[in-house]
Amino acid sequence: MSSTTAPKSTKPKAEKKGAKPAEGKVAKAKTAKKAALKGAASTIKRKTRTSVSFHKPKTLRLSRIPKYPRTSIPHTPRMDQYRTIISPLNTESAMKKIEEHNTLVFIVDIKANKRQIRDAVKKL
């Protein structure tokens, strides 16, 4: 009798142990199915608009990468020291400034600015 009871007692234990994980897997699968059908986010909150006019969003603007240069050679500086300073001024008032204030007076190009005049005087 003991031989017949031993196999019966082991089989139900094995079935019971196997049954619990199967039930857990089924429940897990059902919750996963529910989540997949419904979606992960239950409610999607819309952004509240504070302005009535719609502004196009700023997107990525890449710099241009040309296939070939549009000019054959780069231009030389158009305002060099020889074009900036045309000639020294040697009138009476200019000579007075040279003597009294230790200041040189030049006639310069009308398109030259102070920085270009200063650089031209240093180079010449």
PDB file of N, CA and C in Angstrom:
ATOM      1  N   MET A   1       0.793  -1.183   0.000  1.00  0.00           N
ATOM      2  CA  MET A   1       0.000   0.000   0.000  1.00  0.00           C
ATOM      3  C   MET A   1       0.850   1.269   0.000  1.00  0.00           C
ATOM      4  N   SER A   2       1.897   1.215   0.694  1.00  0.00           N
ATOM      5  CA  SER A   2       2.762   2.378   0.753  1.00  0.00           C
ATOM      6  C   SER A   2       3.359   2.703  -0.616  1.00  0.00           C
ATOM      7  N   SER A   3       3.517   1.682  -1.438  1.00  0.00           N
ATOM      8  CA  SER A   3       4.086   1.934  -2.754  1.00  0.00           C
ATOM      9  C   SER A   3       3.100   2.660  -3.664  1.00  0.00           C
ATOM     10  N   THR A   4       1.809   2.405  -3.494  1.00  0.00           N
ATOM     11  CA  THR A   4       0.804   3.069  -4.317  1.00  0.00           C
ATOM     12  C   THR A   4       0.546   4.497  -3.859  1.00  0.00           C
ATOM     13  N   THR A   5       0.682   4.765  -2.584  1.00  0.00           N
ATOM     14  CA  THR A   5       0.403   6.109  -2.072  1.00  0.00           C
ATOM     15  C   THR A   5       1.543   7.078  -2.378  1.00  0.00           C
ATOM     16  N   ALA A   6       2.752   6.587  -2.437  1.00  0.00           N
ATOM     17  CA  ALA A   6       3.895   7.472  -2.677  1.00  0.00           C
ATOM     18  C   ALA A   6       3.834   8.126  -4.051  1.00  0.00           C
ATOM     19  N   PRO A   7       3.547   7.383  -5.148  1.00  0.00           N
ATOM     20  CA  PRO A   7       3.478   8.076  -6.429  1.00  0.00           C
ATOM     21  C   PRO A   7       2.315   9.043  -6.519  1.00  0.00           C
ATOM     22  N   LYS A   8       1.189   8.746  -5.863  1.00  0.00           N
ATOM     23  CA  LYS A   8       0.045   9.645  -5.908  1.00  0.00           C
ATOM     24  C   LYS A   8       0.360  10.960  -5.193  1.00  0.00           C
ATOM     25  N   SER A   9       1.053  10.872  -4.090  1.00  0.00           N
ATOM     26  CA  SER A   9       1.357  12.068  -3.320  1.00  0.00           C
ATOM     27  C   SER A   9       2.360  12.962  -4.058  1.00  0.00           C
ATOM     28  N   THR A  10       3.298  12.408  -4.828  1.00  0.00           N
ATOM     29  CA  THR A  10       4.274  13.222  -5.553  1.00  0.00           C
ATOM     30  C   THR A  10       3.673  13.882  -6.782  1.00  0.00           C
ATOM     31  N   LYS A  11       2.761  13.193  -7.447  1.00  0.00           N
ATOM     32  CA  LYS A  11       2.168  13.772  -8.661  1.00  0.00           C
ATOM     33  C   LYS A  11       1.305  14.992  -8.366  1.00  0.00           C
ATOM     34  N   PRO A  12       0.425  14.919  -7.357  1.00  0.00           N
ATOM     35  CA  PRO A  12      -0.363  16.107  -7.078  1.00  0.00           C
ATOM     36  C   PRO A  12       0.487  17.291  -6.641  1.00  0.00           C
ATOM     37  N   LYS A  13       1.581  17.032  -5.906  1.00  0.00           N
ATOM     38  CA  LYS A  13       2.457  18.130  -5.494  1.00  0.00           C
ATOM     39  C   LYS A  13       3.099  18.785  -6.721  1.00  0.00           C
ATOM     40  N   ALA A  14       3.532  17.951  -7.658  1.00  0.00           N
ATOM     41  CA  ALA A  14       4.148  18.466  -8.868  1.00  0.00           C
ATOM     42  C   ALA A  14       3.148  19.271  -9.694  1.00  0.00           C
ATOM     43  N   GLU A  15       1.918  18.798  -9.751  1.00  0.00           N
ATOM     44  CA  GLU A  15       0.878  19.501 -10.499  1.00  0.00           C
ATOM     45  C   GLU A  15       0.540  20.826  -9.830  1.00  0.00           C
ATOM     46  N   LYS A  16       0.476  20.813  -8.506  1.00  0.00           N
ATOM     47  CA  LYS A  16       0.149  22.037  -7.784  1.00  0.00           C
ATOM     48  C   LYS A  16       1.239  23.087  -7.979  1.00  0.00           C
ATOM     49  N   LYS A  17       2.499  22.654  -7.905  1.00  0.00           N
ATOM     50  CA  LYS A  17       3.608  23.584  -8.106  1.00  0.00           C
ATOM     51  C   LYS A  17       3.605  24.133  -9.531  1.00  0.00           C
ATOM     52  N   GLY A  18       3.322  23.275 -10.491  1.00  0.00           N
ATOM     53  CA  GLY A  18       3.279  23.702 -11.883  1.00  0.00           C
ATOM     54  C   GLY A  18       2.067  24.558 -12.180  1.00  0.00           C
ATOM     55  N   ALA A  19       1.007  24.401 -11.468  1.00  0.00           N
ATOM     56  CA  ALA A  19      -0.236  25.117 -11.712  1.00  0.00           C
ATOM     57  C   ALA A  19      -0.120  26.587 -11.292  1.00  0.00           C
ATOM     58  N   LYS A  20       0.558  26.850 -10.176  1.00  0.00           N
ATOM     59  CA  LYS A  20       0.668  28.228  -9.688  1.00  0.00           C
ATOM     60  C   LYS A  20       1.430  29.131 -10.665  1.00  0.00           C
ATOM     61  N   PRO A  21       2.607  28.726 -11.176  1.00  0.00           N
ATOM     62  CA  PRO A  21       3.276  29.582 -12.142  1.00  0.00           C
ATOM     63  C   PRO A  21       2.480  29.754 -13.434  1.00  0.00           C
ATOM     64  N   ALA A  22       1.735  28.732 -13.842  1.00  0.00           N
ATOM     65  CA  ALA A  22       0.924  28.850 -15.054  1.00  0.00           C
ATOM     66  C   ALA A  22      -0.170  29.891 -14.858  1.00  0.00           C
ATOM     67  N   GLU A  23      -0.792  29.901 -13.687  1.00  0.00           N
ATOM     68  CA  GLU A  23      -1.833  30.888 -13.392  1.00  0.00           C
ATOM     69  C   GLU A  23      -1.234  32.301 -13.368  1.00  0.00           C
ATOM     70  N   GLY A  24      -0.054  32.421 -12.790  1.00  0.00           N
ATOM     71  CA  GLY A  24       0.628  33.720 -12.741  1.00  0.00           C
ATOM     72  C   GLY A  24       0.979  34.207 -14.134  1.00  0.00           C
ATOM     73  N   LYS A  25       1.403  33.298 -15.009  1.00  0.00           N
ATOM     74  CA  LYS A  25       1.753  33.652 -16.382  1.00  0.00           C
ATOM     75  C   LYS A  25       0.527  34.093 -17.163  1.00  0.00           C
ATOM     76  N   VAL A  26      -0.575  33.395 -16.926  1.00  0.00           N
ATOM     77  CA  VAL A  26      -1.826  33.744 -17.618  1.00  0.00           C
ATOM     78  C   VAL A  26      -2.283  35.140 -17.185  1.00  0.00           C
ATOM     79  N   ALA A  27      -2.223  35.412 -15.907  1.00  0.00           N
ATOM     80  CA  ALA A  27      -2.628  36.721 -15.386  1.00  0.00           C
ATOM     81  C   ALA A  27      -1.717  37.816 -15.931  1.00  0.00           C
ATOM     82  N   LYS A  28      -0.424  37.522 -15.985  1.00  0.00           N
ATOM     83  CA  LYS A  28       0.555  38.487 -16.502  1.00  0.00           C
ATOM     84  C   LYS A  28       0.292  38.764 -17.983  1.00  0.00           C
ATOM     85  N   ALA A  29      -0.029  37.703 -18.722  1.00  0.00           N
ATOM     86  CA  ALA A  29      -0.307  37.844 -20.150  1.00  0.00           C
ATOM     87  C   ALA A  29      -1.568  38.656 -20.368  1.00  0.00           C
ATOM     88  N   LYS A  30      -2.564  38.451 -19.535  1.00  0.00           N
ATOM     89  CA  LYS A  30      -3.817  39.202 -19.663  1.00  0.00           C
ATOM     90  C   LYS A  30      -3.606  40.685 -19.391  1.00  0.00           C
ATOM     91  N   THR A  31      -2.798  41.008 -18.367  1.00  0.00           N
ATOM     92  CA  THR A  31      -2.521  42.419 -18.080  1.00  0.00           C
ATOM     93  C   THR A  31      -1.702  43.059 -19.194  1.00  0.00           C
ATOM     94  N   ALA A  32      -0.804  42.261 -19.778  1.00  0.00           N
ATOM     95  CA  ALA A  32      -0.008  42.775 -20.900  1.00  0.00           C
ATOM     96  C   ALA A  32      -0.906  43.026 -22.107  1.00  0.00           C
ATOM     97  N   LYS A  33      -1.880  42.143 -22.333  1.00  0.00           N
ATOM     98  CA  LYS A  33      -2.814  42.305 -23.452  1.00  0.00           C
ATOM     99  C   LYS A  33      -3.649  43.566 -23.253  1.00  0.00           C
ATOM    100  N   LYS A  34      -4.115  43.758 -22.018  1.00  0.00           N
ATOM    101  CA  LYS A  34      -4.913  44.940 -21.696  1.00  0.00           C
ATOM    102  C   LYS A  34      -4.115  46.216 -21.957  1.00  0.00           C
ATOM    103  N   ALA A  35      -2.860  46.213 -21.506  1.00  0.00           N
ATOM    104  CA  ALA A  35      -1.997  47.391 -21.670  1.00  0.00           C
ATOM    105  C   ALA A  35      -1.728  47.657 -23.143  1.00  0.00           C
ATOM    106  N   ALA A  36      -1.575  46.574 -23.929  1.00  0.00           N
ATOM    107  CA  ALA A  36      -1.289  46.744 -25.355  1.00  0.00           C
ATOM    108  C   ALA A  36      -2.511  47.285 -26.083  1.00  0.00           C
ATOM    109  N   LEU A  37      -3.691  46.837 -25.718  1.00  0.00           N
ATOM    110  CA  LEU A  37      -4.907  47.317 -26.367  1.00  0.00           C
ATOM    111  C   LEU A  37      -5.241  48.742 -25.967  1.00  0.00           C
ATOM    112  N   LYS A  38      -5.122  49.017 -24.693  1.00  0.00           N
ATOM    113  CA  LYS A  38      -5.476  50.335 -24.175  1.00  0.00           C
ATOM    114  C   LYS A  38      -4.392  51.370 -24.479  1.00  0.00           C
ATOM    115  N   GLY A  39      -3.147  50.950 -24.347  1.00  0.00           N
ATOM    116  CA  GLY A  39      -2.036  51.881 -24.521  1.00  0.00           C
ATOM    117  C   GLY A  39      -1.379  52.145 -23.189  1.00  0.00           C
ATOM    118  N   ALA A  40      -0.121  52.502 -23.213  1.00  0.00           N
ATOM    119  CA  ALA A  40       0.631  52.700 -21.972  1.00  0.00           C
ATOM    120  C   ALA A  40       0.132  53.933 -21.229  1.00  0.00           C
ATOM    121  N   ALA A  41      -0.065  55.044 -21.956  1.00  0.00           N
ATOM    122  CA  ALA A  41      -0.551  56.268 -21.329  1.00  0.00           C
ATOM    123  C   ALA A  41      -2.071  56.229 -21.344  1.00  0.00           C
ATOM    124  N   SER A  42      -2.671  56.330 -20.190  1.00  0.00           N
ATOM    125  CA  SER A  42      -4.127  56.232 -20.113  1.00  0.00           C
ATOM    126  C   SER A  42      -4.789  57.477 -20.682  1.00  0.00           C
ATOM    127  N   THR A  43      -4.316  58.653 -20.304  1.00  0.00           N
ATOM    128  CA  THR A  43      -4.870  59.893 -20.837  1.00  0.00           C
ATOM    129  C   THR A  43      -3.742  60.777 -21.327  1.00  0.00           C
ATOM    130  N   ILE A  44      -3.947  61.380 -22.468  1.00  0.00           N
ATOM    131  CA  ILE A  44      -2.955  62.289 -23.032  1.00  0.00           C
ATOM    132  C   ILE A  44      -3.446  63.700 -22.790  1.00  0.00           C
ATOM    133  N   LYS A  45      -2.661  64.479 -22.056  1.00  0.00           N
ATOM    134  CA  LYS A  45      -3.053  65.855 -21.756  1.00  0.00           C
ATOM    135  C   LYS A  45      -2.567  66.759 -22.885  1.00  0.00           C
ATOM    136  N   ARG A  46      -3.475  67.567 -23.403  1.00  0.00           N
ATOM    137  CA  ARG A  46      -3.115  68.486 -24.471  1.00  0.00           C
ATOM    138  C   ARG A  46      -2.477  69.738 -23.889  1.00  0.00           C
ATOM    139  N   LYS A  47      -1.540  70.305 -24.656  1.00  0.00           N
ATOM    140  CA  LYS A  47      -0.860  71.524 -24.223  1.00  0.00           C
ATOM    141  C   LYS A  47      -1.835  72.687 -24.349  1.00  0.00           C
ATOM    142  N   THR A  48      -1.927  73.498 -23.313  1.00  0.00           N
ATOM    143  CA  THR A  48      -2.819  74.656 -23.370  1.00  0.00           C
ATOM    144  C   THR A  48      -2.127  75.774 -24.127  1.00  0.00           C
ATOM    145  N   ARG A  49      -2.833  76.311 -25.081  1.00  0.00           N
ATOM    146  CA  ARG A  49      -2.268  77.386 -25.910  1.00  0.00           C
ATOM    147  C   ARG A  49      -2.589  78.732 -25.279  1.00  0.00           C
ATOM    148  N   THR A  50      -1.573  79.554 -25.143  1.00  0.00           N
ATOM    149  CA  THR A  50      -1.754  80.861 -24.506  1.00  0.00           C
ATOM    150  C   THR A  50      -1.950  81.963 -25.542  1.00  0.00           C
ATOM    151  N   SER A  51      -1.594  81.688 -26.796  1.00  0.00           N
ATOM    152  CA  SER A  51      -1.721  82.696 -27.841  1.00  0.00           C
ATOM    153  C   SER A  51      -2.677  82.187 -28.919  1.00  0.00           C
ATOM    154  N   VAL A  52      -3.370  83.116 -29.571  1.00  0.00           N
ATOM    155  CA  VAL A  52      -4.307  82.709 -30.618  1.00  0.00           C
ATOM    156  C   VAL A  52      -3.606  82.457 -31.940  1.00  0.00           C
ATOM    157  N   SER A  53      -2.438  83.068 -32.133  1.00  0.00           N
ATOM    158  CA  SER A  53      -1.711  82.883 -33.393  1.00  0.00           C
ATOM    159  C   SER A  53      -0.714  81.734 -33.263  1.00  0.00           C
ATOM    160  N   PHE A  54      -0.608  80.954 -34.321  1.00  0.00           N
ATOM    161  CA  PHE A  54       0.297  79.805 -34.329  1.00  0.00           C
ATOM    162  C   PHE A  54       1.626  80.229 -34.911  1.00  0.00           C
ATOM    163  N   HIS A  55       2.706  79.943 -34.205  1.00  0.00           N
ATOM    164  CA  HIS A  55       4.055  80.239 -34.689  1.00  0.00           C
ATOM    165  C   HIS A  55       4.724  78.951 -35.102  1.00  0.00           C
ATOM    166  N   LYS A  56       5.285  78.943 -36.294  1.00  0.00           N
ATOM    167  CA  LYS A  56       5.966  77.760 -36.811  1.00  0.00           C
ATOM    168  C   LYS A  56       7.168  77.443 -35.928  1.00  0.00           C
ATOM    169  N   PRO A  57       7.349  76.184 -35.527  1.00  0.00           N
ATOM    170  CA  PRO A  57       8.466  75.867 -34.631  1.00  0.00           C
ATOM    171  C   PRO A  57       9.818  76.000 -35.318  1.00  0.00           C
ATOM    172  N   LYS A  58      10.805  76.368 -34.537  1.00  0.00           N
ATOM    173  CA  LYS A  58      12.167  76.509 -35.065  1.00  0.00           C
ATOM    174  C   LYS A  58      12.769  75.123 -35.252  1.00  0.00           C
ATOM    175  N   THR A  59      13.276  74.853 -36.443  1.00  0.00           N
ATOM    176  CA  THR A  59      13.850  73.544 -36.734  1.00  0.00           C
ATOM    177  C   THR A  59      15.336  73.689 -37.048  1.00  0.00           C
ATOM    178  N   LEU A  60      15.982  72.575 -37.261  1.00  0.00           N
ATOM    179  CA  LEU A  60      17.418  72.561 -37.516  1.00  0.00           C
ATOM    180  C   LEU A  60      17.717  73.186 -38.874  1.00  0.00           C
ATOM    181  N   ARG A  61      18.605  74.148 -38.894  1.00  0.00           N
ATOM    182  CA  ARG A  61      19.018  74.784 -40.149  1.00  0.00           C
ATOM    183  C   ARG A  61      20.498  74.489 -40.358  1.00  0.00           C
ATOM    184  N   LEU A  62      20.791  73.662 -41.322  1.00  0.00           N
ATOM    185  CA  LEU A  62      22.171  73.277 -41.588  1.00  0.00           C
ATOM    186  C   LEU A  62      22.838  74.327 -42.466  1.00  0.00           C
ATOM    187  N   SER A  63      24.146  74.508 -42.273  1.00  0.00           N
ATOM    188  CA  SER A  63      24.885  75.452 -43.103  1.00  0.00           C
ATOM    189  C   SER A  63      25.111  74.846 -44.477  1.00  0.00           C
ATOM    190  N   ARG A  64      25.284  75.685 -45.461  1.00  0.00           N
ATOM    191  CA  ARG A  64      25.444  75.207 -46.830  1.00  0.00           C
ATOM    192  C   ARG A  64      26.814  74.573 -47.036  1.00  0.00           C
ATOM    193  N   ILE A  65      26.835  73.506 -47.809  1.00  0.00           N
ATOM    194  CA  ILE A  65      28.086  72.829 -48.153  1.00  0.00           C
ATOM    195  C   ILE A  65      28.159  72.808 -49.682  1.00  0.00           C
ATOM    196  N   PRO A  66      28.771  73.845 -50.288  1.00  0.00           N
ATOM    197  CA  PRO A  66      28.764  73.915 -51.747  1.00  0.00           C
ATOM    198  C   PRO A  66      29.652  72.859 -52.386  1.00  0.00           C
ATOM    199  N   LYS A  67      29.261  72.438 -53.589  1.00  0.00           N
ATOM    200  CA  LYS A  67      30.032  71.429 -54.326  1.00  0.00           C
ATOM    201  C   LYS A  67      31.271  72.064 -54.967  1.00  0.00           C
ATOM    202  N   TYR A  68      31.164  73.357 -55.299  1.00  0.00           N
ATOM    203  CA  TYR A  68      32.303  74.050 -55.915  1.00  0.00           C
ATOM    204  C   TYR A  68      32.266  75.510 -55.464  1.00  0.00           C
ATOM    205  N   PRO A  69      33.420  76.190 -55.456  1.00  0.00           N
ATOM    206  CA  PRO A  69      33.425  77.603 -55.040  1.00  0.00           C
ATOM    207  C   PRO A  69      32.754  78.480 -56.097  1.00  0.00           C
ATOM    208  N   ARG A  70      31.983  79.463 -55.667  1.00  0.00           N
ATOM    209  CA  ARG A  70      31.267  80.336 -56.606  1.00  0.00           C
ATOM    210  C   ARG A  70      32.189  81.383 -57.244  1.00  0.00           C
ATOM    211  N   THR A  71      33.306  81.691 -56.583  1.00  0.00           N
ATOM    212  CA  THR A  71      34.284  82.605 -57.174  1.00  0.00           C
ATOM    213  C   THR A  71      35.578  81.841 -57.400  1.00  0.00           C
ATOM    214  N   SER A  72      36.277  82.195 -58.449  1.00  0.00           N
ATOM    215  CA  SER A  72      37.498  81.456 -58.768  1.00  0.00           C
ATOM    216  C   SER A  72      38.618  81.738 -57.767  1.00  0.00           C
ATOM    217  N   ILE A  73      38.815  83.023 -57.423  1.00  0.00           N
ATOM    218  CA  ILE A  73      39.853  83.388 -56.451  1.00  0.00           C
ATOM    219  C   ILE A  73      39.283  84.382 -55.455  1.00  0.00           C
ATOM    220  N   PRO A  74      39.765  84.390 -54.223  1.00  0.00           N
ATOM    221  CA  PRO A  74      39.289  85.407 -53.279  1.00  0.00           C
ATOM    222  C   PRO A  74      39.866  86.776 -53.657  1.00  0.00           C
ATOM    223  N   HIS A  75      39.052  87.803 -53.461  1.00  0.00           N
ATOM    224  CA  HIS A  75      39.492  89.160 -53.813  1.00  0.00           C
ATOM    225  C   HIS A  75      40.570  89.644 -52.860  1.00  0.00           C
ATOM    226  N   THR A  76      41.495  90.410 -53.397  1.00  0.00           N
ATOM    227  CA  THR A  76      42.490  91.059 -52.548  1.00  0.00           C
ATOM    228  C   THR A  76      41.792  92.194 -51.805  1.00  0.00           C
ATOM    229  N   PRO A  77      42.307  92.615 -50.668  1.00  0.00           N
ATOM    230  CA  PRO A  77      41.645  93.715 -49.954  1.00  0.00           C
ATOM    231  C   PRO A  77      41.556  94.958 -50.840  1.00  0.00           C
ATOM    232  N   ARG A  78      40.351  95.458 -51.001  1.00  0.00           N
ATOM    233  CA  ARG A  78      40.137  96.594 -51.916  1.00  0.00           C
ATOM    234  C   ARG A  78      40.682  97.893 -51.326  1.00  0.00           C
ATOM    235  N   MET A  79      40.692  97.968 -49.988  1.00  0.00           N
ATOM    236  CA  MET A  79      41.169  99.192 -49.347  1.00  0.00           C
ATOM    237  C   MET A  79      42.522  98.900 -48.697  1.00  0.00           C
ATOM    238  N   ASP A  80      43.594  98.934 -49.488  1.00  0.00           N
ATOM    239  CA  ASP A  80      44.929  98.722 -48.921  1.00  0.00           C
ATOM    240  C   ASP A  80      45.507 100.070 -48.485  1.00  0.00           C
ATOM    241  N   GLN A  81      46.729 100.042 -47.926  1.00  0.00           N
ATOM    242  CA  GLN A  81      47.293 101.280 -47.382  1.00  0.00           C
ATOM    243  C   GLN A  81      47.556 102.339 -48.448  1.00  0.00           C
ATOM    244  N   TYR A  82      47.808 101.908 -49.689  1.00  0.00           N
ATOM    245  CA  TYR A  82      48.106 102.876 -50.753  1.00  0.00           C
ATOM    246  C   TYR A  82      46.842 103.577 -51.245  1.00  0.00           C
ATOM    247  N   ARG A  83      45.710 102.891 -51.139  1.00  0.00           N
ATOM    248  CA  ARG A  83      44.462 103.527 -51.555  1.00  0.00           C
ATOM    249  C   ARG A  83      43.863 104.333 -50.405  1.00  0.00           C
ATOM    250  N   THR A  84      44.118 103.914 -49.172  1.00  0.00           N
ATOM    251  CA  THR A  84      43.548 104.614 -48.015  1.00  0.00           C
ATOM    252  C   THR A  84      44.112 106.032 -47.899  1.00  0.00           C
ATOM    253  N   ILE A  85      45.431 106.131 -47.852  1.00  0.00           N
ATOM    254  CA  ILE A  85      46.071 107.460 -47.734  1.00  0.00           C
ATOM    255  C   ILE A  85      46.418 107.935 -49.133  1.00  0.00           C
ATOM    256  N   ILE A  86      45.796 109.046 -49.534  1.00  0.00           N
ATOM    257  CA  ILE A  86      46.037 109.571 -50.881  1.00  0.00           C
ATOM    258  C   ILE A  86      47.304 110.433 -50.898  1.00  0.00           C
ATOM    259  N   SER A  87      47.358 111.438 -50.007  1.00  0.00           N
ATOM    260  CA  SER A  87      48.552 112.298 -49.954  1.00  0.00           C
ATOM    261  C   SER A  87      48.579 113.069 -48.644  1.00  0.00           C
ATOM    262  N   PRO A  88      49.756 113.528 -48.229  1.00  0.00           N
ATOM    263  CA  PRO A  88      49.792 114.388 -47.038  1.00  0.00           C
ATOM    264  C   PRO A  88      49.312 115.794 -47.406  1.00  0.00           C
ATOM    265  N   LEU A  89      48.733 116.473 -46.441  1.00  0.00           N
ATOM    266  CA  LEU A  89      48.218 117.822 -46.676  1.00  0.00           C
ATOM    267  C   LEU A  89      49.259 118.823 -46.189  1.00  0.00           C
ATOM    268  N   ASN A  90      49.624 119.764 -47.077  1.00  0.00           N
ATOM    269  CA  ASN A  90      50.662 120.731 -46.702  1.00  0.00           C
ATOM    270  C   ASN A  90      50.189 122.170 -46.878  1.00  0.00           C
ATOM    271  N   THR A  91      49.054 122.453 -46.246  1.00  0.00           N
ATOM    272  CA  THR A  91      48.572 123.838 -46.235  1.00  0.00           C
ATOM    273  C   THR A  91      49.111 124.525 -44.975  1.00  0.00           C
ATOM    274  N   GLU A  92      48.826 125.813 -44.841  1.00  0.00           N
ATOM    275  CA  GLU A  92      49.307 126.562 -43.683  1.00  0.00           C
ATOM    276  C   GLU A  92      48.751 125.995 -42.386  1.00  0.00           C
ATOM    277  N   SER A  93      47.472 125.703 -42.389  1.00  0.00           N
ATOM    278  CA  SER A  93      46.843 125.177 -41.163  1.00  0.00           C
ATOM    279  C   SER A  93      47.392 123.778 -40.833  1.00  0.00           C
ATOM    280  N   ALA A  94      47.686 122.983 -41.861  1.00  0.00           N
ATOM    281  CA  ALA A  94      48.253 121.653 -41.627  1.00  0.00           C
ATOM    282  C   ALA A  94      49.667 121.775 -41.052  1.00  0.00           C
ATOM    283  N   MET A  95      50.453 122.703 -41.571  1.00  0.00           N
ATOM    284  CA  MET A  95      51.812 122.913 -41.060  1.00  0.00           C
ATOM    285  C   MET A  95      51.784 123.407 -39.610  1.00  0.00           C
ATOM    286  N   LYS A  96      50.774 124.235 -39.294  1.00  0.00           N
ATOM    287  CA  LYS A  96      50.633 124.735 -37.927  1.00  0.00           C
ATOM    288  C   LYS A  96      50.354 123.573 -36.965  1.00  0.00           C
ATOM    289  N   LYS A  97      49.482 122.643 -37.408  1.00  0.00           N
ATOM    290  CA  LYS A  97      49.180 121.466 -36.584  1.00  0.00           C
ATOM    291  C   LYS A  97      50.423 120.604 -36.392  1.00  0.00           C
ATOM    292  N   ILE A  98      51.226 120.458 -37.444  1.00  0.00           N
ATOM    293  CA  ILE A  98      52.439 119.647 -37.365  1.00  0.00           C
ATOM    294  C   ILE A  98      53.397 120.260 -36.339  1.00  0.00           C
ATOM    295  N   GLU A  99      53.562 121.587 -36.366  1.00  0.00           N
ATOM    296  CA  GLU A  99      54.500 122.252 -35.470  1.00  0.00           C
ATOM    297  C   GLU A  99      54.001 122.328 -34.033  1.00  0.00           C
ATOM    298  N   GLU A 100      52.762 122.761 -33.842  1.00  0.00           N
ATOM    299  CA  GLU A 100      52.256 123.007 -32.494  1.00  0.00           C
ATOM    300  C   GLU A 100      51.748 121.742 -31.796  1.00  0.00           C
ATOM    301  N   HIS A 101      50.952 120.928 -32.498  1.00  0.00           N
ATOM    302  CA  HIS A 101      50.294 119.778 -31.865  1.00  0.00           C
ATOM    303  C   HIS A 101      50.969 118.447 -32.165  1.00  0.00           C
ATOM    304  N   ASN A 102      52.048 118.499 -32.956  1.00  0.00           N
ATOM    305  CA  ASN A 102      52.773 117.278 -33.323  1.00  0.00           C
ATOM    306  C   ASN A 102      51.821 116.253 -33.974  1.00  0.00           C
ATOM    307  N   THR A 103      51.010 116.736 -34.954  1.00  0.00           N
ATOM    308  CA  THR A 103      49.986 115.926 -35.610  1.00  0.00           C
ATOM    309  C   THR A 103      50.179 115.963 -37.116  1.00  0.00           C
ATOM    310  N   LEU A 104      50.149 114.772 -37.736  1.00  0.00           N
ATOM    311  CA  LEU A 104      50.249 114.690 -39.196  1.00  0.00           C
ATOM    312  C   LEU A 104      48.855 114.786 -39.798  1.00  0.00           C
ATOM    313  N   VAL A 105      48.766 115.428 -40.971  1.00  0.00           N
ATOM    314  CA  VAL A 105      47.482 115.610 -41.656  1.00  0.00           C
ATOM    315  C   VAL A 105      47.587 114.978 -43.024  1.00  0.00           C
ATOM    316  N   PHE A 106      46.614 114.098 -43.344  1.00  0.00           N
ATOM    317  CA  PHE A 106      46.595 113.405 -44.637  1.00  0.00           C
ATOM    318  C   PHE A 106      45.242 113.579 -45.301  1.00  0.00           C
ATOM    319  N   ILE A 107      45.262 113.513 -46.624  1.00  0.00           N
ATOM    320  CA  ILE A 107      44.013 113.395 -47.378  1.00  0.00           C
ATOM    321  C   ILE A 107      43.805 111.900 -47.558  1.00  0.00           C
ATOM    322  N   VAL A 108      42.625 111.415 -47.116  1.00  0.00           N
ATOM    323  CA  VAL A 108      42.366 109.977 -47.161  1.00  0.00           C
ATOM    324  C   VAL A 108      41.129 109.688 -48.013  1.00  0.00           C
ATOM    325  N   ASP A 109      41.001 108.422 -48.376  1.00  0.00           N
ATOM    326  CA  ASP A 109      39.847 107.970 -49.162  1.00  0.00           C
ATOM    327  C   ASP A 109      38.574 108.154 -48.333  1.00  0.00           C
ATOM    328  N   ILE A 110      37.505 108.547 -48.998  1.00  0.00           N
ATOM    329  CA  ILE A 110      36.250 108.827 -48.289  1.00  0.00           C
ATOM    330  C   ILE A 110      35.623 107.561 -47.710  1.00  0.00           C
ATOM    331  N   LYS A 111      35.935 106.403 -48.281  1.00  0.00           N
ATOM    332  CA  LYS A 111      35.352 105.142 -47.804  1.00  0.00           C
ATOM    333  C   LYS A 111      36.166 104.500 -46.684  1.00  0.00           C
ATOM    334  N   ALA A 112      37.324 105.060 -46.354  1.00  0.00           N
ATOM    335  CA  ALA A 112      38.177 104.483 -45.304  1.00  0.00           C
ATOM    336  C   ALA A 112      37.652 104.876 -43.934  1.00  0.00           C
ATOM    337  N   ASN A 113      37.738 103.949 -42.984  1.00  0.00           N
ATOM    338  CA  ASN A 113      37.344 104.269 -41.610  1.00  0.00           C
ATOM    339  C   ASN A 113      38.604 104.488 -40.759  1.00  0.00           C
ATOM    340  N   LYS A 114      38.409 104.821 -39.494  1.00  0.00           N
ATOM    341  CA  LYS A 114      39.542 105.172 -38.625  1.00  0.00           C
ATOM    342  C   LYS A 114      40.532 104.029 -38.469  1.00  0.00           C
ATOM    343  N   ARG A 115      40.009 102.819 -38.348  1.00  0.00           N
ATOM    344  CA  ARG A 115      40.889 101.656 -38.157  1.00  0.00           C
ATOM    345  C   ARG A 115      41.776 101.449 -39.390  1.00  0.00           C
ATOM    346  N   GLN A 116      41.184 101.583 -40.574  1.00  0.00           N
ATOM    347  CA  GLN A 116      41.964 101.410 -41.807  1.00  0.00           C
ATOM    348  C   GLN A 116      43.014 102.506 -41.953  1.00  0.00           C
ATOM    349  N   ILE A 117      42.671 103.735 -41.571  1.00  0.00           N
ATOM    350  CA  ILE A 117      43.626 104.855 -41.650  1.00  0.00           C
ATOM    351  C   ILE A 117      44.791 104.607 -40.675  1.00  0.00           C
ATOM    352  N   ARG A 118      44.482 104.162 -39.467  1.00  0.00           N
ATOM    353  CA  ARG A 118      45.516 103.900 -38.465  1.00  0.00           C
ATOM    354  C   ARG A 118      46.468 102.817 -38.951  1.00  0.00           C
ATOM    355  N   ASP A 119      45.913 101.727 -39.515  1.00  0.00           N
ATOM    356  CA  ASP A 119      46.754 100.635 -40.018  1.00  0.00           C
ATOM    357  C   ASP A 119      47.615 101.102 -41.196  1.00  0.00           C
ATOM    358  N   ALA A 120      47.035 101.927 -42.069  1.00  0.00           N
ATOM    359  CA  ALA A 120      47.788 102.414 -43.238  1.00  0.00           C
ATOM    360  C   ALA A 120      48.955 103.299 -42.815  1.00  0.00           C
ATOM    361  N   VAL A 121      48.749 104.145 -41.793  1.00  0.00           N
ATOM    362  CA  VAL A 121      49.824 105.010 -41.308  1.00  0.00           C
ATOM    363  C   VAL A 121      50.935 104.183 -40.693  1.00  0.00           C
ATOM    364  N   LYS A 122      50.572 103.127 -39.948  1.00  0.00           N
ATOM    365  CA  LYS A 122      51.592 102.271 -39.355  1.00  0.00           C
ATOM    366  C   LYS A 122      52.390 101.525 -40.426  1.00  0.00           C
ATOM    367  N   LYS A 123      51.727 101.063 -41.487  1.00  0.00           N
ATOM    368  CA  LYS A 123      52.406 100.302 -42.544  1.00  0.00           C
ATOM    369  C   LYS A 123      53.301 101.213 -43.377  1.00  0.00           C
ATOM    370  N   LEU A 124      52.836 102.441 -43.645  1.00  0.00           N
ATOM    371  CA  LEU A 124      53.653 103.365 -44.438  1.00  0.00           C
ATOM    372  C   LEU A 124      54.605 104.083 -43.521  1.00  0.00           C
TER     373      LEU A 124
END
